[in-house]
Amino acid sequence: MEKLPYINAALLCERIIQEKEGTLSAIRIIDRLEFGLLTNNPELEKLNVRPAVPISALIAIKSGPVTGKFNLNIDGVKPSGKTKHLLTLPFELKGEHEGQNFIVNIMQGTEEEGLHWFEIRLDETLLTKIPLMLVRKIEPEKTGAQTIDPQNRE
């Protein structure tokens, strides 16, 4: 059996904060994303507008029994099965508790609803997959909104 590093974290979230000393905080961890337009305009709906949504991925790897120079490869897999290579990040593992944290900012397309996967590979070997369910949501415009004129003090 091939020796592999350990996965300390592999997740998607709204954003990641990295403190000066290196501590990481993943804010609003997600595995489901609802997207859509705030509209009740049928003409706009016919255009089938699909916004891109910003998300962040955190991948934290610990060396364990593995040392050497590697590439972290990230591939996106759509519900249709179409795969696209997204990113290659070179890095080095130095052994035992040493590791590497990867913060990846993604503009997630919303052309295809359903279960998407981000495949995380050490060179060509699959380490893990991160799921993301995309659900289109149509929200009607809110009516009765009131505009306040700061010049009118009545």
N, C-alpha and C. Protein backbone atom coordinates (compact mmCIF):
# COMPACT_ATOMS: atom_id res chain seq x y z
N MET A 1 0.84 -1.19 0.00
CA MET A 1 0.00 0.00 0.00
C MET A 1 0.89 1.25 0.00
N GLU A 2 0.55 2.17 -0.86
CA GLU A 2 1.31 3.42 -0.99
C GLU A 2 1.10 4.30 0.24
N LYS A 3 2.20 4.85 0.75
CA LYS A 3 2.11 5.77 1.88
C LYS A 3 1.63 7.13 1.39
N LEU A 4 0.69 7.71 2.15
CA LEU A 4 0.14 9.02 1.79
C LEU A 4 0.19 9.95 3.00
N PRO A 5 0.21 11.25 2.74
CA PRO A 5 0.14 12.18 3.87
C PRO A 5 -1.27 12.17 4.46
N TYR A 6 -1.41 12.79 5.62
CA TYR A 6 -2.69 12.86 6.30
C TYR A 6 -3.42 14.14 5.94
N ILE A 7 -4.74 14.05 5.81
CA ILE A 7 -5.57 15.22 5.54
C ILE A 7 -6.02 15.77 6.88
N ASN A 8 -5.58 16.97 7.21
CA ASN A 8 -5.98 17.62 8.45
C ASN A 8 -7.32 18.34 8.26
N ALA A 9 -7.53 18.89 7.06
CA ALA A 9 -8.80 19.56 6.72
C ALA A 9 -8.93 19.63 5.20
N ALA A 10 -10.16 19.51 4.75
CA ALA A 10 -10.49 19.72 3.33
C ALA A 10 -11.94 20.18 3.31
N LEU A 11 -12.14 21.48 3.10
CA LEU A 11 -13.49 22.03 3.22
C LEU A 11 -13.64 23.29 2.37
N LEU A 12 -14.91 23.65 2.17
CA LEU A 12 -15.27 24.89 1.48
C LEU A 12 -15.94 25.82 2.48
N CYS A 13 -15.73 27.11 2.32
CA CYS A 13 -16.33 28.08 3.22
C CYS A 13 -16.45 29.43 2.50
N GLU A 14 -17.08 30.39 3.18
CA GLU A 14 -17.22 31.72 2.59
C GLU A 14 -15.89 32.46 2.52
N ARG A 15 -15.08 32.33 3.59
CA ARG A 15 -13.76 32.96 3.57
C ARG A 15 -12.88 32.35 4.66
N ILE A 16 -11.58 32.58 4.51
CA ILE A 16 -10.61 32.06 5.46
C ILE A 16 -9.77 33.23 5.96
N ILE A 17 -9.63 33.29 7.26
CA ILE A 17 -8.80 34.33 7.87
C ILE A 17 -7.51 33.67 8.33
N GLN A 18 -6.37 34.27 7.94
CA GLN A 18 -5.08 33.77 8.40
C GLN A 18 -4.44 34.85 9.26
N GLU A 19 -4.25 34.53 10.55
CA GLU A 19 -3.64 35.46 11.49
C GLU A 19 -2.14 35.58 11.23
N LYS A 20 -1.52 36.61 11.78
CA LYS A 20 -0.08 36.85 11.58
C LYS A 20 0.76 35.65 12.00
N GLU A 21 0.38 34.97 13.08
CA GLU A 21 1.16 33.83 13.57
C GLU A 21 0.85 32.54 12.80
N GLY A 22 -0.07 32.61 11.82
CA GLY A 22 -0.36 31.46 10.99
C GLY A 22 -1.65 30.72 11.31
N THR A 23 -2.31 31.08 12.40
CA THR A 23 -3.57 30.43 12.77
C THR A 23 -4.63 30.70 11.72
N LEU A 24 -5.41 29.67 11.38
CA LEU A 24 -6.45 29.79 10.36
C LEU A 24 -7.83 29.71 10.97
N SER A 25 -8.76 30.48 10.43
CA SER A 25 -10.18 30.39 10.79
C SER A 25 -10.99 30.27 9.51
N ALA A 26 -11.79 29.21 9.41
CA ALA A 26 -12.69 29.03 8.27
C ALA A 26 -14.05 29.58 8.68
N ILE A 27 -14.53 30.57 7.93
CA ILE A 27 -15.77 31.25 8.26
C ILE A 27 -16.91 30.71 7.40
N ARG A 28 -17.98 30.27 8.04
CA ARG A 28 -19.20 29.76 7.40
C ARG A 28 -18.88 28.60 6.45
N ILE A 29 -18.58 27.45 7.04
CA ILE A 29 -18.28 26.25 6.26
C ILE A 29 -19.54 25.84 5.50
N ILE A 30 -19.35 25.49 4.22
CA ILE A 30 -20.50 25.16 3.36
C ILE A 30 -20.27 23.84 2.62
N ASP A 31 -21.37 23.15 2.34
CA ASP A 31 -21.36 22.03 1.41
C ASP A 31 -22.59 22.11 0.51
N ARG A 32 -23.38 23.17 0.70
CA ARG A 32 -24.57 23.44 -0.12
C ARG A 32 -24.61 24.94 -0.36
N LEU A 33 -24.89 25.29 -1.60
CA LEU A 33 -24.91 26.70 -1.97
C LEU A 33 -26.16 26.98 -2.79
N GLU A 34 -27.01 27.87 -2.28
CA GLU A 34 -28.19 28.31 -3.02
C GLU A 34 -27.83 29.61 -3.72
N PHE A 35 -28.17 29.69 -4.99
CA PHE A 35 -27.85 30.89 -5.76
C PHE A 35 -29.06 31.30 -6.56
N GLY A 36 -29.07 32.54 -6.98
CA GLY A 36 -30.17 33.01 -7.81
C GLY A 36 -30.19 34.51 -7.92
N LEU A 37 -31.27 34.99 -8.49
CA LEU A 37 -31.46 36.41 -8.70
C LEU A 37 -32.65 36.89 -7.90
N LEU A 38 -32.58 38.10 -7.43
CA LEU A 38 -33.72 38.71 -6.76
C LEU A 38 -34.53 39.43 -7.83
N THR A 39 -35.48 38.73 -8.40
CA THR A 39 -36.25 39.33 -9.50
C THR A 39 -37.61 38.67 -9.65
N ASN A 40 -38.54 39.43 -10.17
CA ASN A 40 -39.79 38.85 -10.63
C ASN A 40 -40.01 39.26 -12.09
N ASN A 41 -38.92 39.62 -12.76
CA ASN A 41 -38.95 40.04 -14.15
C ASN A 41 -38.84 38.80 -15.05
N PRO A 42 -39.93 38.43 -15.75
CA PRO A 42 -39.88 37.24 -16.60
C PRO A 42 -38.88 37.36 -17.74
N GLU A 43 -38.64 38.56 -18.23
CA GLU A 43 -37.68 38.75 -19.33
C GLU A 43 -36.27 38.40 -18.86
N LEU A 44 -35.93 38.80 -17.65
CA LEU A 44 -34.62 38.50 -17.10
C LEU A 44 -34.48 37.00 -16.83
N GLU A 45 -35.55 36.37 -16.39
CA GLU A 45 -35.52 34.92 -16.16
C GLU A 45 -35.27 34.16 -17.45
N LYS A 46 -35.81 34.65 -18.58
CA LYS A 46 -35.61 34.00 -19.87
C LYS A 46 -34.14 33.99 -20.27
N LEU A 47 -33.38 34.98 -19.81
CA LEU A 47 -31.96 35.04 -20.14
C LEU A 47 -31.15 33.96 -19.44
N ASN A 48 -31.75 33.34 -18.42
CA ASN A 48 -31.10 32.26 -17.68
C ASN A 48 -29.73 32.69 -17.15
N VAL A 49 -29.68 33.84 -16.51
CA VAL A 49 -28.44 34.37 -15.96
C VAL A 49 -27.94 33.45 -14.86
N ARG A 50 -26.68 33.10 -14.90
CA ARG A 50 -26.06 32.21 -13.92
C ARG A 50 -24.85 32.92 -13.30
N PRO A 51 -25.02 33.48 -12.12
CA PRO A 51 -23.92 34.23 -11.51
C PRO A 51 -22.81 33.30 -11.01
N ALA A 52 -21.57 33.81 -10.99
CA ALA A 52 -20.47 33.09 -10.34
C ALA A 52 -20.48 33.50 -8.87
N VAL A 53 -20.16 32.56 -8.00
CA VAL A 53 -20.22 32.79 -6.56
C VAL A 53 -18.82 32.58 -5.97
N PRO A 54 -18.31 33.58 -5.22
CA PRO A 54 -16.98 33.39 -4.62
C PRO A 54 -17.04 32.48 -3.39
N ILE A 55 -16.17 31.48 -3.36
CA ILE A 55 -16.01 30.60 -2.20
C ILE A 55 -14.51 30.38 -1.98
N SER A 56 -14.17 29.86 -0.82
CA SER A 56 -12.78 29.54 -0.51
C SER A 56 -12.67 28.08 -0.12
N ALA A 57 -11.54 27.48 -0.48
CA ALA A 57 -11.25 26.10 -0.08
C ALA A 57 -10.05 26.12 0.86
N LEU A 58 -10.13 25.32 1.91
CA LEU A 58 -9.00 25.12 2.81
C LEU A 58 -8.62 23.65 2.73
N ILE A 59 -7.36 23.42 2.40
CA ILE A 59 -6.83 22.06 2.34
C ILE A 59 -5.58 22.07 3.22
N ALA A 60 -5.59 21.29 4.28
CA ALA A 60 -4.47 21.22 5.21
C ALA A 60 -3.95 19.78 5.23
N ILE A 61 -2.66 19.63 4.94
CA ILE A 61 -2.04 18.32 4.82
C ILE A 61 -0.89 18.21 5.83
N LYS A 62 -0.79 17.07 6.49
CA LYS A 62 0.33 16.77 7.38
C LYS A 62 1.16 15.64 6.75
N SER A 63 2.47 15.75 6.84
CA SER A 63 3.37 14.81 6.17
C SER A 63 3.16 13.36 6.60
N GLY A 64 3.08 13.13 7.93
CA GLY A 64 3.03 11.74 8.39
C GLY A 64 4.27 11.02 7.89
N PRO A 65 4.09 9.88 7.21
CA PRO A 65 5.24 9.08 6.76
C PRO A 65 5.84 9.54 5.42
N VAL A 66 5.33 10.64 4.86
CA VAL A 66 5.71 11.04 3.51
C VAL A 66 6.63 12.25 3.53
N THR A 67 7.69 12.20 2.74
CA THR A 67 8.58 13.36 2.55
C THR A 67 8.85 13.52 1.07
N GLY A 68 9.19 14.76 0.69
CA GLY A 68 9.57 15.02 -0.70
C GLY A 68 8.79 16.17 -1.31
N LYS A 69 9.08 16.42 -2.58
CA LYS A 69 8.42 17.49 -3.33
C LYS A 69 7.27 16.89 -4.14
N PHE A 70 6.12 17.59 -4.10
CA PHE A 70 4.91 17.09 -4.74
C PHE A 70 4.16 18.25 -5.39
N ASN A 71 3.12 17.89 -6.12
CA ASN A 71 2.14 18.86 -6.63
C ASN A 71 0.79 18.51 -6.04
N LEU A 72 0.09 19.53 -5.54
CA LEU A 72 -1.30 19.37 -5.14
C LEU A 72 -2.13 19.78 -6.36
N ASN A 73 -2.91 18.85 -6.87
CA ASN A 73 -3.76 19.11 -8.03
C ASN A 73 -5.21 19.15 -7.60
N ILE A 74 -5.93 20.16 -8.07
CA ILE A 74 -7.35 20.31 -7.76
C ILE A 74 -8.13 20.28 -9.07
N ASP A 75 -9.07 19.34 -9.15
CA ASP A 75 -9.94 19.21 -10.32
C ASP A 75 -11.38 19.42 -9.88
N GLY A 76 -12.15 20.10 -10.71
CA GLY A 76 -13.58 20.26 -10.48
C GLY A 76 -14.35 19.27 -11.33
N VAL A 77 -15.34 18.62 -10.73
CA VAL A 77 -16.18 17.66 -11.45
C VAL A 77 -17.62 18.11 -11.33
N LYS A 78 -18.25 18.39 -12.48
CA LYS A 78 -19.65 18.83 -12.51
C LYS A 78 -20.59 17.62 -12.39
N PRO A 79 -21.86 17.87 -12.08
CA PRO A 79 -22.83 16.76 -11.99
C PRO A 79 -22.91 15.93 -13.28
N SER A 80 -22.64 16.55 -14.42
CA SER A 80 -22.68 15.84 -15.70
C SER A 80 -21.48 14.91 -15.87
N GLY A 81 -20.48 15.04 -14.98
CA GLY A 81 -19.28 14.22 -15.08
C GLY A 81 -18.13 14.94 -15.75
N LYS A 82 -18.39 16.11 -16.31
CA LYS A 82 -17.33 16.88 -16.97
C LYS A 82 -16.31 17.33 -15.92
N THR A 83 -15.04 17.03 -16.19
CA THR A 83 -13.95 17.35 -15.26
C THR A 83 -13.09 18.45 -15.86
N LYS A 84 -12.68 19.38 -14.99
CA LYS A 84 -11.79 20.47 -15.42
C LYS A 84 -10.68 20.62 -14.38
N HIS A 85 -9.43 20.63 -14.87
CA HIS A 85 -8.31 20.87 -13.96
C HIS A 85 -8.33 22.34 -13.57
N LEU A 86 -8.33 22.62 -12.28
CA LEU A 86 -8.44 23.99 -11.79
C LEU A 86 -7.10 24.60 -11.39
N LEU A 87 -6.23 23.80 -10.77
CA LEU A 87 -5.04 24.38 -10.18
C LEU A 87 -4.01 23.32 -9.84
N THR A 88 -2.73 23.67 -10.00
CA THR A 88 -1.61 22.85 -9.53
C THR A 88 -0.75 23.71 -8.63
N LEU A 89 -0.49 23.21 -7.42
CA LEU A 89 0.31 23.95 -6.44
C LEU A 89 1.50 23.08 -6.01
N PRO A 90 2.73 23.50 -6.35
CA PRO A 90 3.89 22.72 -5.90
C PRO A 90 4.17 22.97 -4.41
N PHE A 91 4.63 21.94 -3.71
CA PHE A 91 4.95 22.09 -2.29
C PHE A 91 5.88 20.97 -1.85
N GLU A 92 6.38 21.09 -0.62
CA GLU A 92 7.29 20.09 -0.07
C GLU A 92 6.79 19.62 1.29
N LEU A 93 6.87 18.31 1.50
CA LEU A 93 6.55 17.73 2.80
C LEU A 93 7.85 17.29 3.46
N LYS A 94 8.02 17.67 4.74
CA LYS A 94 9.28 17.43 5.42
C LYS A 94 9.21 16.33 6.46
N GLY A 95 8.04 15.70 6.61
CA GLY A 95 7.93 14.56 7.51
C GLY A 95 7.21 14.85 8.81
N GLU A 96 6.68 13.77 9.40
CA GLU A 96 6.00 13.75 10.69
C GLU A 96 4.90 14.79 10.82
N HIS A 97 5.02 15.73 11.80
CA HIS A 97 3.94 16.69 12.07
C HIS A 97 3.99 17.90 11.14
N GLU A 98 5.05 18.02 10.35
CA GLU A 98 5.16 19.14 9.41
C GLU A 98 4.09 18.99 8.34
N GLY A 99 3.67 20.10 7.79
CA GLY A 99 2.64 20.03 6.76
C GLY A 99 2.54 21.29 5.95
N GLN A 100 1.45 21.41 5.26
CA GLN A 100 1.22 22.55 4.38
C GLN A 100 -0.26 22.87 4.39
N ASN A 101 -0.58 24.17 4.49
CA ASN A 101 -1.96 24.64 4.36
C ASN A 101 -2.12 25.34 3.02
N PHE A 102 -3.21 25.04 2.35
CA PHE A 102 -3.52 25.68 1.08
C PHE A 102 -4.84 26.42 1.21
N ILE A 103 -4.84 27.68 0.84
CA ILE A 103 -6.06 28.50 0.80
C ILE A 103 -6.28 28.84 -0.66
N VAL A 104 -7.41 28.41 -1.20
CA VAL A 104 -7.70 28.59 -2.62
C VAL A 104 -9.00 29.37 -2.76
N ASN A 105 -8.94 30.51 -3.42
CA ASN A 105 -10.15 31.29 -3.70
C ASN A 105 -10.70 30.87 -5.05
N ILE A 106 -11.99 30.59 -5.08
CA ILE A 106 -12.65 30.03 -6.27
C ILE A 106 -13.84 30.90 -6.64
N MET A 107 -14.00 31.18 -7.92
CA MET A 107 -15.24 31.77 -8.43
C MET A 107 -16.04 30.61 -9.01
N GLN A 108 -16.97 30.10 -8.22
CA GLN A 108 -17.74 28.91 -8.59
C GLN A 108 -18.83 29.27 -9.59
N GLY A 109 -18.73 28.71 -10.78
CA GLY A 109 -19.76 28.88 -11.78
C GLY A 109 -21.03 28.17 -11.36
N THR A 110 -22.18 28.65 -11.84
CA THR A 110 -23.46 28.06 -11.46
C THR A 110 -24.25 27.60 -12.69
N GLU A 111 -23.53 27.26 -13.75
CA GLU A 111 -24.21 26.83 -14.98
C GLU A 111 -24.94 25.51 -14.80
N GLU A 112 -24.43 24.67 -13.91
CA GLU A 112 -24.98 23.33 -13.75
C GLU A 112 -25.36 23.10 -12.29
N GLU A 113 -26.65 22.89 -12.05
CA GLU A 113 -27.12 22.58 -10.70
C GLU A 113 -26.80 21.14 -10.35
N GLY A 114 -26.75 20.85 -9.05
CA GLY A 114 -26.54 19.49 -8.59
C GLY A 114 -25.26 19.36 -7.80
N LEU A 115 -24.81 18.11 -7.63
CA LEU A 115 -23.65 17.82 -6.79
C LEU A 115 -22.35 17.95 -7.58
N HIS A 116 -21.55 18.91 -7.17
CA HIS A 116 -20.22 19.13 -7.73
C HIS A 116 -19.18 18.56 -6.77
N TRP A 117 -18.02 18.16 -7.30
CA TRP A 117 -16.94 17.64 -6.48
C TRP A 117 -15.65 18.37 -6.81
N PHE A 118 -14.85 18.61 -5.79
CA PHE A 118 -13.48 19.08 -5.97
C PHE A 118 -12.58 17.92 -5.58
N GLU A 119 -11.85 17.38 -6.55
CA GLU A 119 -10.96 16.26 -6.29
C GLU A 119 -9.58 16.80 -5.94
N ILE A 120 -9.04 16.34 -4.82
CA ILE A 120 -7.75 16.79 -4.33
C ILE A 120 -6.76 15.65 -4.51
N ARG A 121 -5.71 15.92 -5.28
CA ARG A 121 -4.73 14.87 -5.61
C ARG A 121 -3.32 15.27 -5.19
N LEU A 122 -2.58 14.29 -4.71
CA LEU A 122 -1.16 14.43 -4.49
C LEU A 122 -0.51 13.86 -5.74
N ASP A 123 0.05 14.73 -6.55
CA ASP A 123 0.46 14.36 -7.91
C ASP A 123 -0.76 13.75 -8.61
N GLU A 124 -0.76 12.46 -8.91
CA GLU A 124 -1.91 11.85 -9.58
C GLU A 124 -2.77 11.00 -8.64
N THR A 125 -2.38 10.88 -7.38
CA THR A 125 -3.09 10.03 -6.42
C THR A 125 -4.19 10.81 -5.71
N LEU A 126 -5.42 10.30 -5.78
CA LEU A 126 -6.54 10.95 -5.12
C LEU A 126 -6.39 10.87 -3.61
N LEU A 127 -6.41 12.04 -2.94
CA LEU A 127 -6.36 12.10 -1.48
C LEU A 127 -7.76 12.18 -0.88
N THR A 128 -8.60 13.05 -1.44
CA THR A 128 -9.96 13.22 -0.93
C THR A 128 -10.78 13.99 -1.95
N LYS A 129 -12.08 14.08 -1.68
CA LYS A 129 -13.00 14.87 -2.49
C LYS A 129 -13.79 15.78 -1.57
N ILE A 130 -14.08 16.99 -2.06
CA ILE A 130 -14.90 17.93 -1.31
C ILE A 130 -16.20 18.14 -2.09
N PRO A 131 -17.36 17.88 -1.47
CA PRO A 131 -18.63 18.05 -2.19
C PRO A 131 -19.18 19.47 -2.09
N LEU A 132 -19.92 19.86 -3.12
CA LEU A 132 -20.66 21.12 -3.10
C LEU A 132 -21.95 20.93 -3.89
N MET A 133 -23.09 21.04 -3.20
CA MET A 133 -24.39 20.94 -3.85
C MET A 133 -24.83 22.35 -4.26
N LEU A 134 -25.06 22.56 -5.56
CA LEU A 134 -25.55 23.85 -6.06
C LEU A 134 -27.04 23.75 -6.34
N VAL A 135 -27.81 24.68 -5.76
CA VAL A 135 -29.26 24.69 -5.90
C VAL A 135 -29.69 26.09 -6.34
N ARG A 136 -30.39 26.16 -7.46
CA ARG A 136 -30.88 27.44 -7.96
C ARG A 136 -32.15 27.82 -7.23
N LYS A 137 -32.20 29.07 -6.81
CA LYS A 137 -33.33 29.56 -6.04
C LYS A 137 -33.79 30.87 -6.67
N ILE A 138 -35.07 30.96 -6.99
CA ILE A 138 -35.62 32.20 -7.54
C ILE A 138 -36.37 32.90 -6.44
N GLU A 139 -35.93 34.10 -6.13
CA GLU A 139 -36.55 34.88 -5.07
C GLU A 139 -37.26 36.07 -5.69
N PRO A 140 -38.53 36.25 -5.40
CA PRO A 140 -39.24 37.42 -5.94
C PRO A 140 -38.71 38.70 -5.30
N GLU A 141 -38.76 39.78 -6.10
CA GLU A 141 -38.35 41.07 -5.55
C GLU A 141 -39.25 41.43 -4.39
N LYS A 142 -38.66 42.05 -3.42
CA LYS A 142 -39.46 42.49 -2.28
C LYS A 142 -40.20 43.77 -2.68
N THR A 143 -41.49 43.78 -2.43
CA THR A 143 -42.30 44.95 -2.75
C THR A 143 -42.58 45.71 -1.49
N GLY A 144 -42.96 46.94 -1.64
CA GLY A 144 -43.29 47.75 -0.48
C GLY A 144 -42.08 48.38 0.17
N ALA A 145 -40.92 48.30 -0.49
CA ALA A 145 -39.73 48.93 0.07
C ALA A 145 -39.92 50.44 0.03
N GLN A 146 -39.45 51.07 1.04
CA GLN A 146 -39.65 52.51 1.16
C GLN A 146 -38.31 53.21 1.01
N THR A 147 -38.27 54.24 0.15
CA THR A 147 -37.07 55.05 0.00
C THR A 147 -37.21 56.27 0.86
N ILE A 148 -36.19 56.55 1.64
CA ILE A 148 -36.23 57.70 2.55
C ILE A 148 -35.35 58.78 1.98
N ASP A 149 -35.90 59.97 1.84
CA ASP A 149 -35.17 61.14 1.37
C ASP A 149 -34.64 61.89 2.59
N PRO A 150 -33.29 61.95 2.76
CA PRO A 150 -32.74 62.60 3.94
C PRO A 150 -33.01 64.11 3.97
N GLN A 151 -33.35 64.70 2.82
CA GLN A 151 -33.63 66.13 2.76
C GLN A 151 -35.05 66.45 3.24
N ASN A 152 -35.93 65.46 3.16
CA ASN A 152 -37.31 65.65 3.56
C ASN A 152 -37.45 65.24 5.03
N ARG A 153 -37.65 66.18 5.92
CA ARG A 153 -37.68 65.90 7.36
C ARG A 153 -39.10 65.94 7.92
N GLU A 154 -40.08 65.80 7.11
CA GLU A 154 -41.47 65.83 7.59
C GLU A 154 -41.88 64.56 8.25
